[in-house]
Amino acid sequence: MIVNISDNVHSHEKRLTPALYRLLEACLEKKTTNTKVLAAHLCRSPATIRTEFQRVLAFMDVHCRYEALRAAEENGLIRRKRR
């Protein structure tokens, strides 16, 4: 699944890869951005999680993981699950 967002600065569409989408969803599900916790949950190495977070930060043009989550929610890329 590819998710599109529009960028006010650029007219082209940006795409969030399925792996990055799953990482952001896992952050919300586990309520953490801890590399080791997410690596265990997603069955990936901690190095892969760090690399994916670097890609998310660059993609969202933010400086920290929490900013990335907030921006993703504001842009409708991810949604908190209702209880």
C-alpha atoms as a PDB file:
ATOM      1  CA  MET A   1       0.000   0.000   0.000  1.00  0.00           C
ATOM      2  CA  ILE A   2       1.399   3.389  -1.023  1.00  0.00           C
ATOM      3  CA  VAL A   3       0.148   6.491   0.758  1.00  0.00           C
ATOM      4  CA  ASN A   4       0.272   9.883  -0.971  1.00  0.00           C
ATOM      5  CA  ILE A   5       0.562  13.262   0.686  1.00  0.00           C
ATOM      6  CA  SER A   6       0.686  16.649  -0.954  1.00  0.00           C
ATOM      7  CA  ASP A   7       3.581  18.976  -0.263  1.00  0.00           C
ATOM      8  CA  ASN A   8       2.903  22.714  -0.202  1.00  0.00           C
ATOM      9  CA  VAL A   9       6.433  23.506  -1.376  1.00  0.00           C
ATOM     10  CA  HIS A  10       6.641  20.985  -4.218  1.00  0.00           C
ATOM     11  CA  SER A  11       3.951  20.141  -6.712  1.00  0.00           C
ATOM     12  CA  HIS A  12       4.895  16.453  -7.011  1.00  0.00           C
ATOM     13  CA  GLU A  13       3.406  13.731  -4.850  1.00  0.00           C
ATOM     14  CA  LYS A  14       5.425  12.101  -2.099  1.00  0.00           C
ATOM     15  CA  ARG A  15       4.960   8.446  -1.270  1.00  0.00           C
ATOM     16  CA  LEU A  16       5.314   6.661   2.027  1.00  0.00           C
ATOM     17  CA  THR A  17       6.550   3.092   1.538  1.00  0.00           C
ATOM     18  CA  PRO A  18       4.657   0.207   3.139  1.00  0.00           C
ATOM     19  CA  ALA A  19       7.575  -0.481   5.502  1.00  0.00           C
ATOM     20  CA  LEU A  20       7.605   3.106   6.755  1.00  0.00           C
ATOM     21  CA  TYR A  21       3.828   3.099   7.082  1.00  0.00           C
ATOM     22  CA  ARG A  22       4.029  -0.093   9.208  1.00  0.00           C
ATOM     23  CA  LEU A  23       6.735   1.505  11.363  1.00  0.00           C
ATOM     24  CA  LEU A  24       4.568   4.545  12.111  1.00  0.00           C
ATOM     25  CA  GLU A  25       1.559   2.336  12.838  1.00  0.00           C
ATOM     26  CA  ALA A  26       3.691   0.202  15.176  1.00  0.00           C
ATOM     27  CA  CYS A  27       4.756   3.330  17.066  1.00  0.00           C
ATOM     28  CA  LEU A  28       1.126   4.128  17.762  1.00  0.00           C
ATOM     29  CA  GLU A  29       0.224   0.534  18.596  1.00  0.00           C
ATOM     30  CA  LYS A  30       3.113   0.076  21.031  1.00  0.00           C
ATOM     31  CA  LYS A  31       2.954   3.698  22.249  1.00  0.00           C
ATOM     32  CA  THR A  32       6.713   4.085  21.883  1.00  0.00           C
ATOM     33  CA  THR A  33       9.434   5.059  19.449  1.00  0.00           C
ATOM     34  CA  ASN A  34      11.998   2.845  21.180  1.00  0.00           C
ATOM     35  CA  THR A  35      14.153   1.137  18.574  1.00  0.00           C
ATOM     36  CA  LYS A  36      14.508  -2.203  20.387  1.00  0.00           C
ATOM     37  CA  VAL A  37      10.812  -2.511  21.201  1.00  0.00           C
ATOM     38  CA  LEU A  38       9.798  -1.733  17.619  1.00  0.00           C
ATOM     39  CA  ALA A  39      12.464  -4.047  16.186  1.00  0.00           C
ATOM     40  CA  ALA A  40      11.139  -6.954  18.247  1.00  0.00           C
ATOM     41  CA  HIS A  41       7.526  -6.136  17.363  1.00  0.00           C
ATOM     42  CA  LEU A  42       8.223  -5.831  13.616  1.00  0.00           C
ATOM     43  CA  CYS A  43      10.758  -8.709  13.493  1.00  0.00           C
ATOM     44  CA  ARG A  44      13.492  -6.447  12.151  1.00  0.00           C
ATOM     45  CA  SER A  45      16.940  -5.521  13.382  1.00  0.00           C
ATOM     46  CA  PRO A  46      17.406  -2.345  15.443  1.00  0.00           C
ATOM     47  CA  ALA A  47      19.672  -1.016  12.666  1.00  0.00           C
ATOM     48  CA  THR A  48      16.837  -1.399  10.153  1.00  0.00           C
ATOM     49  CA  ILE A  49      14.449   0.457  12.455  1.00  0.00           C
ATOM     50  CA  ARG A  50      16.955   3.307  12.847  1.00  0.00           C
ATOM     51  CA  THR A  51      17.404   3.508   9.069  1.00  0.00           C
ATOM     52  CA  GLU A  52      13.655   3.531   8.510  1.00  0.00           C
ATOM     53  CA  PHE A  53      13.252   6.314  11.070  1.00  0.00           C
ATOM     54  CA  GLN A  54      15.927   8.334   9.260  1.00  0.00           C
ATOM     55  CA  ARG A  55      13.903   7.927   6.064  1.00  0.00           C
ATOM     56  CA  VAL A  56      10.696   8.957   7.835  1.00  0.00           C
ATOM     57  CA  LEU A  57      12.369  12.062   9.293  1.00  0.00           C
ATOM     58  CA  ALA A  58      13.688  13.074   5.875  1.00  0.00           C
ATOM     59  CA  PHE A  59      10.354  12.297   4.206  1.00  0.00           C
ATOM     60  CA  MET A  60       8.355  14.333   6.721  1.00  0.00           C
ATOM     61  CA  ASP A  61      11.046  17.057   6.960  1.00  0.00           C
ATOM     62  CA  VAL A  62      11.040  16.926  10.768  1.00  0.00           C
ATOM     63  CA  HIS A  63      13.744  16.615  13.408  1.00  0.00           C
ATOM     64  CA  CYS A  64      12.507  13.962  15.825  1.00  0.00           C
ATOM     65  CA  ARG A  65      10.397  10.816  15.888  1.00  0.00           C
ATOM     66  CA  TYR A  66       7.549  12.402  17.830  1.00  0.00           C
ATOM     67  CA  GLU A  67       7.316  15.245  15.322  1.00  0.00           C
ATOM     68  CA  ALA A  68       7.127  12.649  12.555  1.00  0.00           C
ATOM     69  CA  LEU A  69       4.237  10.874  14.275  1.00  0.00           C
ATOM     70  CA  ARG A  70       2.382  14.140  14.832  1.00  0.00           C
ATOM     71  CA  ALA A  71       2.921  15.214  11.205  1.00  0.00           C
ATOM     72  CA  ALA A  72       1.782  11.815   9.930  1.00  0.00           C
ATOM     73  CA  GLU A  73      -1.419  12.068  11.976  1.00  0.00           C
ATOM     74  CA  GLU A  74      -2.061  15.648  10.850  1.00  0.00           C
ATOM     75  CA  ASN A  75      -1.600  14.646   7.194  1.00  0.00           C
ATOM     76  CA  GLY A  76      -3.904  11.644   7.584  1.00  0.00           C
ATOM     77  CA  LEU A  77      -1.177   9.071   6.961  1.00  0.00           C
ATOM     78  CA  ILE A  78      -1.890   7.233  10.205  1.00  0.00           C
ATOM     79  CA  ARG A  79      -4.749   7.241  12.685  1.00  0.00           C
ATOM     80  CA  ARG A  80      -4.902   6.398  16.334  1.00  0.00           C
ATOM     81  CA  LYS A  81      -7.087   3.380  16.929  1.00  0.00           C
ATOM     82  CA  ARG A  82     -10.216   4.139  18.895  1.00  0.00           C
ATOM     83  CA  ARG A  83     -10.919   2.026  21.969  1.00  0.00           C
END
